Amino acid sequence: MAKINQVNYIKKFQTLIALLLLCIVLSLLSDKFFTAENSLNILRQTAVNICVATGMTVVILTAGIDLSVGSILALCGAIAAGLLKHGIALQWLNSYIGFTVFGVVVAGIIIGYVIGLFNGFVITKFKVPPFIATLAMLTIARGLTMLYTHGQPISNLGSKFDYIGTGSFLGLPVPVWIAAVVVVFTIFLMQKTKLGRYVYAIGGNETAAKFSGINIPKVTLIVYAFAGACAGIAGLIVTARLDSAQPNAGTSYELDAIAAVVIGGTSLYGGRGTILGTVIGAVIIGVLNNGLVLLNVSPFWQQVVKGSVILLAVIIDKLGHPKD
């Protein structure tokens, strides 16, 4: 009985144990790893993935997927930068609408929400598989970003906006605080509201959820809209950190987000997983990326290592839950 309890205890905390072992190994291989500067750098970089992966977790808990978050991130950041820098010229009224930093932040989040809502609409209304619907949006949103920016970065956005990505508050980077708010809000949403229970129910057994009276299309719309809003928040952080909206921003960020979700213990089959697990998974990805850079590992090998870690996490999840 004691051995069974020990095994269950290890399974419960396997992601956290993996993070601790990874940190120990990297600290032995590089004396720069455990410096305060490097630790803050990891936190700042990881904050973006935490925002994206938090929204992705809610989607995957319904047994869905969202491949468009990287492109949504880029489009929201580009539009926010454009509104801040140039505003909106209403030529037929011979007037101009300027935007404050708060205004472009709200606009960026709303744009992400609306694009996510459209993803959910296509999935629910036309019964398009989430993989296909969001893959199409990945291309559409990236194309719209290129059109909006004319393929050129929008830079020099001002110190007030840059503070979102480069500032610090109480000794921690502002992006970390933003990510913390997103995480806490999502945990409350998933644990203390009917929506959270519905999300787990749909991912666990969609047919049973339907017969229980759960409005599956409505929940699906909310879930994908929420993922889009999270991507919009991440887009604002990335743009502010670079002081520039890059047309190719967010490329492959959807893969890092999915990796964080899977490594954090959320099942790709839906119905099982936690937001805190995803946070730990995102930190593992961030630490791994940082460690490989410190060790001067080739960027090509970094992709191989990251892909191998994702594959290993999926295999472990599948072996641990063979009925999925």
Foldseek 3Di string as FASTA:
>chain_A
DVVVVVVVVCVVCVLVVVLVVLLVVLVVVFVPCPDPVNVLVLLLVLLLLLLLLLLQLLQLQLLAGAPQLLLLLLLLLLVLLCQQVPNDQDVVVRDGGHDDLVRSLVVLLQSLLVLLLVLLCCCPVVVDGSVVSNVVNNVVSLVVLCVSCVQDKRADNDDVLLQCQANDDPRHRNSSVVSVVSLVVSQCVLPPDVLNVLSLVSLVPVVVSVVVVDPVSVSSSNSSSSSSSSSSNSSSNVCSNVRISHSNGSVCSSVLSVQLQLSLPAASSHNDGGSVSSSSSSSSLSSLVSSCVSVVHDPVVSVVVSVVSSVVSNVVSCVVPVVD
